[in-house]
Structures are given as C-alpha cells and as structure tokens.
C-alpha cells in the first residue's frame, strides 16, 4: 500500500479546512488535518454544512425615479434617511413629478 498526500486546489470544497487528501494510488481514502485524519464522508458533510451556513451579505440600494419638467431622472441612495429627506424636498417642488422608489439588494 503506497499512500500519497495531495494538496487541494482552491476550487475544492475542503480547501483551507484540511491539509491534504490521502490516497492509495488514485483512490482517495481520507483527509489529513492538523488534528488527525477524517473520513471522506465526514469531510463532505462538513463541506456541505459550511456552504449551507454561508450567507451572502447584502445591503439595500434605493433608486429614486422622478421627472423634472417631463424629463426622466434617477438618483441612487444607500441610506434610507437621505432618501426620505430627498423625497420630502422634491415633493414640495411643482416641477418634479412621478416620484417613485425602488429597492434592490446588492452584495455588500
């Protein structure tokens, strides 16, 4: 039995969690970690759990659409407070019409 220790590529789901993949020739046997060895099934379960627990952090992006003398304009805001102040300011102006707000989630 000849064991080989293979470094994992950055695209492998266990990259950064284990040191290497232990194989007998071309057949993978287990993962080597700094604390010992873990079986392939347990490593795969850990990889799936870590992927499922990863949340994509997002933040809102507010788009204010309006018309100035019948010409369409848009402004974007990341702050709800600034958006509300702008809406209050623009709603008092007679030449600004069709004020609409759209919210999008963007990756933070």
N, C-alpha and C. Protein backbone atom coordinates (compact mmCIF):
# COMPACT_ATOMS: atom_id res chain seq x y z
N UNK A 1 0.85 -1.18 0.00
CA UNK A 1 0.00 0.00 0.00
C UNK A 1 0.89 1.23 0.00
N UNK A 2 0.72 2.07 -0.99
CA UNK A 2 1.51 3.28 -1.14
C UNK A 2 0.59 4.49 -0.99
N UNK A 3 0.73 5.24 0.07
CA UNK A 3 -0.11 6.40 0.33
C UNK A 3 0.50 7.65 -0.29
N UNK A 4 -0.36 8.48 -0.87
CA UNK A 4 0.08 9.77 -1.39
C UNK A 4 -0.73 10.86 -0.70
N UNK A 5 -0.09 11.98 -0.52
CA UNK A 5 -0.74 13.13 0.10
C UNK A 5 -0.82 14.22 -0.96
N UNK A 6 -2.06 14.59 -1.33
CA UNK A 6 -2.26 15.56 -2.39
C UNK A 6 -2.76 16.88 -1.80
N UNK A 7 -2.14 17.97 -2.19
CA UNK A 7 -2.62 19.29 -1.79
C UNK A 7 -3.91 19.58 -2.55
N UNK A 8 -4.86 20.22 -1.88
CA UNK A 8 -6.14 20.53 -2.51
C UNK A 8 -6.06 21.86 -3.26
N UNK A 9 -6.77 21.92 -4.38
CA UNK A 9 -6.85 23.15 -5.15
C UNK A 9 -7.82 24.13 -4.50
N UNK A 10 -7.75 25.37 -4.89
CA UNK A 10 -8.61 26.39 -4.29
C UNK A 10 -10.08 26.20 -4.63
N UNK A 11 -10.38 25.39 -5.67
CA UNK A 11 -11.77 25.15 -6.03
C UNK A 11 -12.37 23.97 -5.28
N UNK A 12 -11.58 23.27 -4.48
CA UNK A 12 -12.07 22.12 -3.71
C UNK A 12 -12.87 22.61 -2.51
N UNK A 13 -14.02 21.98 -2.19
CA UNK A 13 -14.84 22.46 -1.08
C UNK A 13 -14.17 22.36 0.30
N UNK A 14 -13.16 21.52 0.43
CA UNK A 14 -12.48 21.37 1.72
C UNK A 14 -11.19 22.19 1.79
N UNK A 15 -10.90 23.00 0.76
CA UNK A 15 -9.69 23.81 0.75
C UNK A 15 -9.70 24.77 1.95
N UNK A 16 -8.61 24.80 2.68
CA UNK A 16 -8.50 25.66 3.85
C UNK A 16 -8.96 24.99 5.13
N UNK A 17 -9.71 23.91 5.04
CA UNK A 17 -10.21 23.19 6.22
C UNK A 17 -9.34 21.99 6.54
N UNK A 18 -8.70 21.42 5.51
CA UNK A 18 -7.84 20.26 5.69
C UNK A 18 -6.50 20.55 5.03
N UNK A 19 -5.47 19.79 5.47
CA UNK A 19 -4.14 19.99 4.90
C UNK A 19 -3.99 19.30 3.55
N UNK A 20 -4.48 18.06 3.45
CA UNK A 20 -4.31 17.33 2.20
C UNK A 20 -5.28 16.17 2.10
N UNK A 21 -5.35 15.60 0.92
CA UNK A 21 -6.18 14.43 0.64
C UNK A 21 -5.25 13.22 0.60
N UNK A 22 -5.56 12.20 1.39
CA UNK A 22 -4.75 10.99 1.43
C UNK A 22 -5.35 9.99 0.48
N UNK A 23 -4.50 9.43 -0.41
CA UNK A 23 -4.98 8.48 -1.41
C UNK A 23 -4.08 7.26 -1.46
N UNK A 24 -4.67 6.13 -1.84
CA UNK A 24 -3.94 4.89 -2.08
C UNK A 24 -3.84 4.74 -3.59
N UNK A 25 -2.75 5.21 -4.15
CA UNK A 25 -2.64 5.24 -5.61
C UNK A 25 -3.51 6.37 -6.14
N UNK A 26 -4.63 6.01 -6.79
CA UNK A 26 -5.55 7.02 -7.32
C UNK A 26 -6.87 7.06 -6.56
N UNK A 27 -7.03 6.16 -5.58
CA UNK A 27 -8.29 6.08 -4.83
C UNK A 27 -8.18 6.89 -3.54
N UNK A 28 -8.98 7.98 -3.38
CA UNK A 28 -8.95 8.77 -2.14
C UNK A 28 -9.43 7.95 -0.95
N UNK A 29 -8.75 8.12 0.18
CA UNK A 29 -9.10 7.37 1.39
C UNK A 29 -9.69 8.29 2.45
N UNK A 30 -8.98 9.38 2.76
CA UNK A 30 -9.43 10.28 3.83
C UNK A 30 -8.74 11.64 3.66
N UNK A 31 -9.08 12.55 4.58
CA UNK A 31 -8.44 13.86 4.61
C UNK A 31 -7.49 13.92 5.80
N UNK A 32 -6.38 14.62 5.65
CA UNK A 32 -5.44 14.83 6.75
C UNK A 32 -5.63 16.25 7.25
N UNK A 33 -5.86 16.38 8.54
CA UNK A 33 -5.98 17.70 9.17
C UNK A 33 -4.85 17.84 10.18
N UNK A 34 -4.70 19.01 10.76
CA UNK A 34 -3.65 19.18 11.77
C UNK A 34 -3.97 18.43 13.06
N UNK A 35 -5.26 18.07 13.25
CA UNK A 35 -5.66 17.32 14.44
C UNK A 35 -5.70 15.81 14.21
N UNK A 36 -5.49 15.36 12.98
CA UNK A 36 -5.55 13.94 12.69
C UNK A 36 -6.14 13.70 11.31
N UNK A 37 -6.85 12.60 11.17
CA UNK A 37 -7.45 12.22 9.90
C UNK A 37 -8.97 12.15 10.04
N UNK A 38 -9.69 12.55 8.98
CA UNK A 38 -11.14 12.41 8.98
C UNK A 38 -11.56 11.67 7.71
N UNK A 39 -12.60 10.84 7.79
CA UNK A 39 -13.04 10.09 6.61
C UNK A 39 -13.63 11.03 5.55
N UNK A 40 -13.67 10.55 4.33
CA UNK A 40 -14.18 11.36 3.22
C UNK A 40 -15.63 11.77 3.44
N UNK A 41 -16.48 10.86 3.94
CA UNK A 41 -17.89 11.16 4.14
C UNK A 41 -18.07 12.28 5.16
N UNK A 42 -17.29 12.25 6.24
CA UNK A 42 -17.40 13.29 7.25
C UNK A 42 -16.92 14.63 6.70
N UNK A 43 -15.86 14.60 5.90
CA UNK A 43 -15.36 15.82 5.27
C UNK A 43 -16.36 16.40 4.31
N UNK A 44 -17.03 15.53 3.54
CA UNK A 44 -18.04 16.01 2.60
C UNK A 44 -19.22 16.62 3.35
N UNK A 45 -19.60 16.00 4.47
CA UNK A 45 -20.71 16.55 5.27
C UNK A 45 -20.33 17.91 5.84
N UNK A 46 -19.07 18.06 6.27
CA UNK A 46 -18.62 19.36 6.79
C UNK A 46 -18.62 20.41 5.70
N UNK A 47 -18.22 20.03 4.49
CA UNK A 47 -18.19 20.98 3.38
C UNK A 47 -19.59 21.44 3.03
N UNK A 48 -20.54 20.51 2.99
CA UNK A 48 -21.93 20.86 2.69
C UNK A 48 -22.49 21.77 3.77
N UNK A 49 -22.21 21.45 5.04
CA UNK A 49 -22.70 22.27 6.15
C UNK A 49 -22.12 23.67 6.10
N UNK A 50 -20.84 23.79 5.76
CA UNK A 50 -20.23 25.12 5.71
C UNK A 50 -20.77 25.94 4.55
N UNK A 51 -21.07 25.29 3.42
CA UNK A 51 -21.64 26.00 2.28
C UNK A 51 -23.06 26.46 2.59
N UNK A 52 -23.85 25.61 3.26
CA UNK A 52 -25.23 25.96 3.59
C UNK A 52 -25.30 27.06 4.63
N UNK A 53 -24.30 27.11 5.55
CA UNK A 53 -24.34 28.13 6.60
C UNK A 53 -23.82 29.48 6.11
N UNK A 54 -23.18 29.51 4.96
CA UNK A 54 -22.65 30.76 4.43
C UNK A 54 -23.79 31.60 3.88
N UNK A 55 -23.90 32.81 4.39
CA UNK A 55 -24.92 33.74 3.91
C UNK A 55 -24.27 34.81 3.06
N UNK A 56 -24.97 35.22 2.05
CA UNK A 56 -24.49 36.32 1.24
C UNK A 56 -24.95 37.60 1.92
N UNK A 57 -24.00 38.42 2.27
CA UNK A 57 -24.34 39.68 2.93
C UNK A 57 -24.76 40.68 1.86
N UNK A 58 -25.89 41.27 2.08
CA UNK A 58 -26.38 42.26 1.12
C UNK A 58 -26.85 43.50 1.86
N UNK A 59 -26.92 44.58 1.10
CA UNK A 59 -27.43 45.83 1.67
C UNK A 59 -28.38 46.44 0.64
N UNK A 60 -29.31 47.26 1.11
CA UNK A 60 -30.29 47.83 0.16
C UNK A 60 -29.69 48.98 -0.64
N UNK A 61 -30.13 49.07 -1.87
CA UNK A 61 -29.82 50.21 -2.73
C UNK A 61 -31.15 50.78 -3.17
N UNK A 62 -31.38 52.04 -2.83
CA UNK A 62 -32.65 52.70 -3.13
C UNK A 62 -32.49 53.51 -4.41
N UNK A 63 -33.42 53.32 -5.33
CA UNK A 63 -33.41 54.07 -6.59
C UNK A 63 -34.64 54.97 -6.59
N UNK A 64 -34.40 56.28 -6.69
CA UNK A 64 -35.48 57.27 -6.71
C UNK A 64 -35.65 57.71 -8.16
N UNK A 65 -36.82 57.42 -8.72
CA UNK A 65 -37.14 57.82 -10.10
C UNK A 65 -38.14 58.96 -10.04
N UNK A 66 -37.94 59.96 -10.87
CA UNK A 66 -38.84 61.11 -10.91
C UNK A 66 -38.69 61.81 -12.25
N UNK A 67 -39.56 62.78 -12.50
CA UNK A 67 -39.50 63.56 -13.73
C UNK A 67 -39.35 65.03 -13.36
N UNK A 68 -38.41 65.69 -14.04
CA UNK A 68 -38.20 67.13 -13.90
C UNK A 68 -38.59 67.74 -15.22
N UNK A 69 -39.69 68.51 -15.21
CA UNK A 69 -40.22 69.12 -16.45
C UNK A 69 -40.39 68.06 -17.54
N UNK A 70 -40.98 66.93 -17.15
CA UNK A 70 -41.28 65.80 -18.03
C UNK A 70 -40.04 65.09 -18.61
N UNK A 71 -38.88 65.24 -17.98
CA UNK A 71 -37.69 64.50 -18.37
C UNK A 71 -37.33 63.55 -17.23
N UNK A 72 -37.16 62.29 -17.56
CA UNK A 72 -36.91 61.26 -16.54
C UNK A 72 -35.52 61.42 -15.93
N UNK A 73 -35.47 61.25 -14.61
CA UNK A 73 -34.22 61.33 -13.85
C UNK A 73 -34.22 60.20 -12.82
N UNK A 74 -33.04 59.82 -12.37
CA UNK A 74 -32.90 58.81 -11.31
C UNK A 74 -31.74 59.18 -10.40
N UNK A 75 -31.92 58.88 -9.13
CA UNK A 75 -30.87 59.03 -8.14
C UNK A 75 -30.79 57.73 -7.34
N UNK A 76 -29.60 57.36 -6.89
CA UNK A 76 -29.45 56.16 -6.05
C UNK A 76 -28.96 56.56 -4.67
N UNK A 77 -29.42 55.82 -3.67
CA UNK A 77 -29.07 56.07 -2.28
C UNK A 77 -28.78 54.75 -1.58
N UNK A 78 -27.83 54.76 -0.67
CA UNK A 78 -27.61 53.60 0.19
C UNK A 78 -28.17 53.87 1.59
N UNK A 79 -28.54 55.10 1.85
CA UNK A 79 -29.08 55.49 3.15
C UNK A 79 -30.58 55.80 3.02
N UNK A 80 -31.37 55.14 3.83
CA UNK A 80 -32.82 55.37 3.83
C UNK A 80 -33.13 56.79 4.32
N UNK A 81 -32.34 57.28 5.26
CA UNK A 81 -32.55 58.62 5.81
C UNK A 81 -32.37 59.70 4.74
N UNK A 82 -31.31 59.57 3.93
CA UNK A 82 -31.07 60.54 2.86
C UNK A 82 -32.15 60.45 1.79
N UNK A 83 -32.61 59.24 1.52
CA UNK A 83 -33.70 59.05 0.56
C UNK A 83 -34.95 59.77 1.03
N UNK A 84 -35.32 59.58 2.29
CA UNK A 84 -36.52 60.22 2.83
C UNK A 84 -36.42 61.74 2.80
N UNK A 85 -35.24 62.28 3.11
CA UNK A 85 -35.05 63.73 3.06
C UNK A 85 -35.19 64.26 1.64
N UNK A 86 -34.66 63.53 0.68
CA UNK A 86 -34.75 63.95 -0.72
C UNK A 86 -36.18 63.90 -1.22
N UNK A 87 -36.92 62.85 -0.84
CA UNK A 87 -38.32 62.74 -1.24
C UNK A 87 -39.13 63.90 -0.66
N UNK A 88 -38.87 64.23 0.61
CA UNK A 88 -39.58 65.34 1.23
C UNK A 88 -39.27 66.66 0.52
N UNK A 89 -38.01 66.85 0.14
CA UNK A 89 -37.62 68.08 -0.56
C UNK A 89 -38.24 68.15 -1.95
N UNK A 90 -38.20 67.03 -2.69
CA UNK A 90 -38.70 67.02 -4.07
C UNK A 90 -40.22 67.05 -4.15
N UNK A 91 -40.90 66.53 -3.14
CA UNK A 91 -42.36 66.51 -3.20
C UNK A 91 -42.95 67.93 -3.07
N UNK A 92 -42.18 68.87 -2.53
CA UNK A 92 -42.63 70.26 -2.41
C UNK A 92 -42.49 71.03 -3.72
N UNK A 93 -41.69 70.54 -4.63
CA UNK A 93 -41.44 71.24 -5.89
C UNK A 93 -42.51 70.88 -6.91
N UNK A 94 -43.09 71.89 -7.56
CA UNK A 94 -44.16 71.67 -8.53
C UNK A 94 -43.65 71.09 -9.84
N UNK A 95 -42.41 71.39 -10.21
CA UNK A 95 -41.88 70.91 -11.48
C UNK A 95 -41.33 69.48 -11.41
N UNK A 96 -41.31 68.88 -10.21
CA UNK A 96 -40.86 67.49 -10.04
C UNK A 96 -42.10 66.63 -9.84
N UNK A 97 -42.30 65.65 -10.74
CA UNK A 97 -43.49 64.79 -10.69
C UNK A 97 -43.08 63.32 -10.77
N UNK A 98 -44.07 62.45 -10.61
CA UNK A 98 -43.91 60.99 -10.73
C UNK A 98 -42.77 60.45 -9.88
N UNK A 99 -42.77 60.76 -8.58
CA UNK A 99 -41.73 60.28 -7.68
C UNK A 99 -42.04 58.84 -7.29
N UNK A 100 -41.07 57.95 -7.58
CA UNK A 100 -41.22 56.52 -7.26
C UNK A 100 -39.91 56.02 -6.67
N UNK A 101 -40.02 55.09 -5.73
CA UNK A 101 -38.84 54.49 -5.11
C UNK A 101 -38.82 52.99 -5.37
N UNK A 102 -37.66 52.49 -5.74
CA UNK A 102 -37.46 51.06 -5.93
C UNK A 102 -36.27 50.63 -5.06
N UNK A 103 -36.41 49.47 -4.40
CA UNK A 103 -35.34 48.97 -3.55
C UNK A 103 -34.75 47.70 -4.16
N UNK A 104 -33.43 47.66 -4.24
CA UNK A 104 -32.71 46.49 -4.74
C UNK A 104 -31.72 46.05 -3.66
N UNK A 105 -31.48 44.75 -3.56
CA UNK A 105 -30.45 44.25 -2.64
C UNK A 105 -29.18 43.99 -3.45
N UNK A 106 -28.08 44.59 -2.98
CA UNK A 106 -26.80 44.41 -3.64
C UNK A 106 -25.85 43.70 -2.69
N UNK A 107 -24.87 43.01 -3.23
CA UNK A 107 -23.90 42.28 -2.42
C UNK A 107 -23.01 43.28 -1.72
N UNK A 108 -22.89 43.11 -0.41
CA UNK A 108 -22.09 44.05 0.38
C UNK A 108 -20.62 43.73 0.32
